[in-house]
Amino acid sequence: MRKHFNSRLIAVMRKHFDSWSIVVIGLTLVLFIVALFIQGLTHDLLLEAGVFLVSVKLILMSYKNSVHAVEMEERLEQIYDLLRAMRNSSHLPEAGD
């Protein structure tokens, strides 16, 4: 069950993120954890946390935009199919004919 979940998660990530985005996500997380251990609980950690949260927000926005683009493409395909069906039922010439 866990292996199936991991492979599904990887497939979803690859669908919405390119390889470089995944590298940046991992690198940002690693650098934040390193900063946490090197700097400890100091004021500078708040700055690092802010940078990390901005990175996470940008990643989430990128994911949301990708999902939205896929949904819009599917809706446009449905509209195109409906128009094609209407054109075929009324025997109207297609554009360019």
C-alpha atoms as a PDB file:
ATOM      1  CA  MET A   1       0.000   0.000   0.000  1.00  0.00           C
ATOM      2  CA  ARG A   2       2.767   2.463   0.935  1.00  0.00           C
ATOM      3  CA  LYS A   3       4.766   1.672  -2.213  1.00  0.00           C
ATOM      4  CA  HIS A   4       1.671   2.342  -4.338  1.00  0.00           C
ATOM      5  CA  PHE A   5       1.145   5.675  -2.534  1.00  0.00           C
ATOM      6  CA  ASN A   6       4.784   6.702  -3.089  1.00  0.00           C
ATOM      7  CA  SER A   7       4.708   5.844  -6.792  1.00  0.00           C
ATOM      8  CA  ARG A   8       1.424   7.715  -7.184  1.00  0.00           C
ATOM      9  CA  LEU A   9       2.853  10.751  -5.385  1.00  0.00           C
ATOM     10  CA  ILE A  10       5.899  10.734  -7.649  1.00  0.00           C
ATOM     11  CA  ALA A  11       3.683  10.471 -10.738  1.00  0.00           C
ATOM     12  CA  VAL A  12       1.573  13.441  -9.596  1.00  0.00           C
ATOM     13  CA  MET A  13       4.681  15.506  -8.834  1.00  0.00           C
ATOM     14  CA  ARG A  14       6.193  14.758 -12.234  1.00  0.00           C
ATOM     15  CA  LYS A  15       2.929  15.695 -13.919  1.00  0.00           C
ATOM     16  CA  HIS A  16       2.828  19.151 -12.341  1.00  0.00           C
ATOM     17  CA  PHE A  17       6.512  19.907 -11.667  1.00  0.00           C
ATOM     18  CA  ASP A  18       9.483  19.652 -13.973  1.00  0.00           C
ATOM     19  CA  SER A  19      12.734  18.057 -12.795  1.00  0.00           C
ATOM     20  CA  TRP A  20      14.362  21.379 -11.918  1.00  0.00           C
ATOM     21  CA  SER A  21      11.416  22.410  -9.737  1.00  0.00           C
ATOM     22  CA  ILE A  22      11.700  19.185  -7.773  1.00  0.00           C
ATOM     23  CA  VAL A  23      15.458  19.800  -7.353  1.00  0.00           C
ATOM     24  CA  VAL A  24      14.771  23.337  -6.084  1.00  0.00           C
ATOM     25  CA  ILE A  25      12.141  22.033  -3.639  1.00  0.00           C
ATOM     26  CA  GLY A  26      14.567  19.478  -2.224  1.00  0.00           C
ATOM     27  CA  LEU A  27      17.475  21.909  -2.095  1.00  0.00           C
ATOM     28  CA  THR A  28      15.370  24.555  -0.329  1.00  0.00           C
ATOM     29  CA  LEU A  29      14.291  22.038   2.294  1.00  0.00           C
ATOM     30  CA  VAL A  30      17.847  20.778   2.822  1.00  0.00           C
ATOM     31  CA  LEU A  31      19.236  24.309   3.158  1.00  0.00           C
ATOM     32  CA  PHE A  32      16.516  25.237   5.659  1.00  0.00           C
ATOM     33  CA  ILE A  33      17.277  22.182   7.793  1.00  0.00           C
ATOM     34  CA  VAL A  34      21.030  22.910   7.632  1.00  0.00           C
ATOM     35  CA  ALA A  35      20.383  26.523   8.663  1.00  0.00           C
ATOM     36  CA  LEU A  36      18.255  25.290  11.542  1.00  0.00           C
ATOM     37  CA  PHE A  37      21.104  23.179  12.918  1.00  0.00           C
ATOM     38  CA  ILE A  38      23.872  25.705  12.229  1.00  0.00           C
ATOM     39  CA  GLN A  39      22.123  28.843  13.478  1.00  0.00           C
ATOM     40  CA  GLY A  40      20.006  27.282  16.183  1.00  0.00           C
ATOM     41  CA  LEU A  41      17.007  29.119  17.541  1.00  0.00           C
ATOM     42  CA  THR A  42      18.171  32.680  16.867  1.00  0.00           C
ATOM     43  CA  HIS A  43      16.608  35.732  15.275  1.00  0.00           C
ATOM     44  CA  ASP A  44      18.198  34.798  11.948  1.00  0.00           C
ATOM     45  CA  LEU A  45      16.189  31.604  11.987  1.00  0.00           C
ATOM     46  CA  LEU A  46      13.034  33.686  11.591  1.00  0.00           C
ATOM     47  CA  LEU A  47      14.498  35.167   8.431  1.00  0.00           C
ATOM     48  CA  GLU A  48      15.345  31.686   7.139  1.00  0.00           C
ATOM     49  CA  ALA A  49      11.829  30.493   8.002  1.00  0.00           C
ATOM     50  CA  GLY A  50      10.365  33.448   6.102  1.00  0.00           C
ATOM     51  CA  VAL A  51      12.430  32.625   3.022  1.00  0.00           C
ATOM     52  CA  PHE A  52      11.392  28.983   3.299  1.00  0.00           C
ATOM     53  CA  LEU A  53       7.702  29.893   3.598  1.00  0.00           C
ATOM     54  CA  VAL A  54       7.911  32.173   0.555  1.00  0.00           C
ATOM     55  CA  SER A  55       9.480  29.304  -1.389  1.00  0.00           C
ATOM     56  CA  VAL A  56       6.711  26.949  -0.266  1.00  0.00           C
ATOM     57  CA  LYS A  57       4.070  29.497  -1.241  1.00  0.00           C
ATOM     58  CA  LEU A  58       5.571  29.868  -4.724  1.00  0.00           C
ATOM     59  CA  ILE A  59       5.680  26.092  -5.113  1.00  0.00           C
ATOM     60  CA  LEU A  60       2.034  25.760  -4.041  1.00  0.00           C
ATOM     61  CA  MET A  61       1.009  28.521  -6.449  1.00  0.00           C
ATOM     62  CA  SER A  62       2.867  26.763  -9.253  1.00  0.00           C
ATOM     63  CA  TYR A  63       1.090  23.493  -8.440  1.00  0.00           C
ATOM     64  CA  LYS A  64      -2.309  25.199  -8.291  1.00  0.00           C
ATOM     65  CA  ASN A  65      -1.707  26.914 -11.639  1.00  0.00           C
ATOM     66  CA  SER A  66      -0.688  23.627 -13.223  1.00  0.00           C
ATOM     67  CA  VAL A  67      -3.810  21.844 -11.951  1.00  0.00           C
ATOM     68  CA  HIS A  68      -5.975  24.752 -13.095  1.00  0.00           C
ATOM     69  CA  ALA A  69      -4.401  24.692 -16.565  1.00  0.00           C
ATOM     70  CA  VAL A  70      -5.163  20.973 -16.911  1.00  0.00           C
ATOM     71  CA  GLU A  71      -8.775  21.562 -15.842  1.00  0.00           C
ATOM     72  CA  MET A  72      -9.161  24.433 -18.319  1.00  0.00           C
ATOM     73  CA  GLU A  73      -7.711  22.313 -21.108  1.00  0.00           C
ATOM     74  CA  GLU A  74     -10.235  19.564 -20.347  1.00  0.00           C
ATOM     75  CA  ARG A  75     -13.104  22.082 -20.344  1.00  0.00           C
ATOM     76  CA  LEU A  76     -11.971  23.567 -23.642  1.00  0.00           C
ATOM     77  CA  GLU A  77     -11.775  20.079 -25.125  1.00  0.00           C
ATOM     78  CA  GLN A  78     -15.370  19.438 -24.006  1.00  0.00           C
ATOM     79  CA  ILE A  79     -16.516  22.704 -25.598  1.00  0.00           C
ATOM     80  CA  TYR A  80     -14.680  21.818 -28.805  1.00  0.00           C
ATOM     81  CA  ASP A  81     -16.319  18.369 -28.836  1.00  0.00           C
ATOM     82  CA  LEU A  82     -19.762  19.932 -28.332  1.00  0.00           C
ATOM     83  CA  LEU A  83     -19.170  22.396 -31.160  1.00  0.00           C
ATOM     84  CA  ARG A  84     -17.973  19.603 -33.427  1.00  0.00           C
ATOM     85  CA  ALA A  85     -21.077  17.545 -32.591  1.00  0.00           C
ATOM     86  CA  MET A  86     -23.343  20.545 -33.274  1.00  0.00           C
ATOM     87  CA  ARG A  87     -21.575  21.215 -36.576  1.00  0.00           C
ATOM     88  CA  ASN A  88     -21.894  17.564 -37.634  1.00  0.00           C
ATOM     89  CA  SER A  89     -25.590  17.412 -36.699  1.00  0.00           C
ATOM     90  CA  SER A  90     -26.435  20.567 -38.669  1.00  0.00           C
ATOM     91  CA  HIS A  91     -24.050  19.797 -41.554  1.00  0.00           C
ATOM     92  CA  LEU A  92     -22.432  23.222 -41.421  1.00  0.00           C
ATOM     93  CA  PRO A  93     -19.054  23.590 -43.122  1.00  0.00           C
ATOM     94  CA  GLU A  94     -16.021  23.751 -40.879  1.00  0.00           C
ATOM     95  CA  ALA A  95     -13.921  26.879 -40.642  1.00  0.00           C
ATOM     96  CA  GLY A  96     -11.568  27.128 -43.590  1.00  0.00           C
ATOM     97  CA  ASP A  97     -13.857  25.246 -46.002  1.00  0.00           C
END
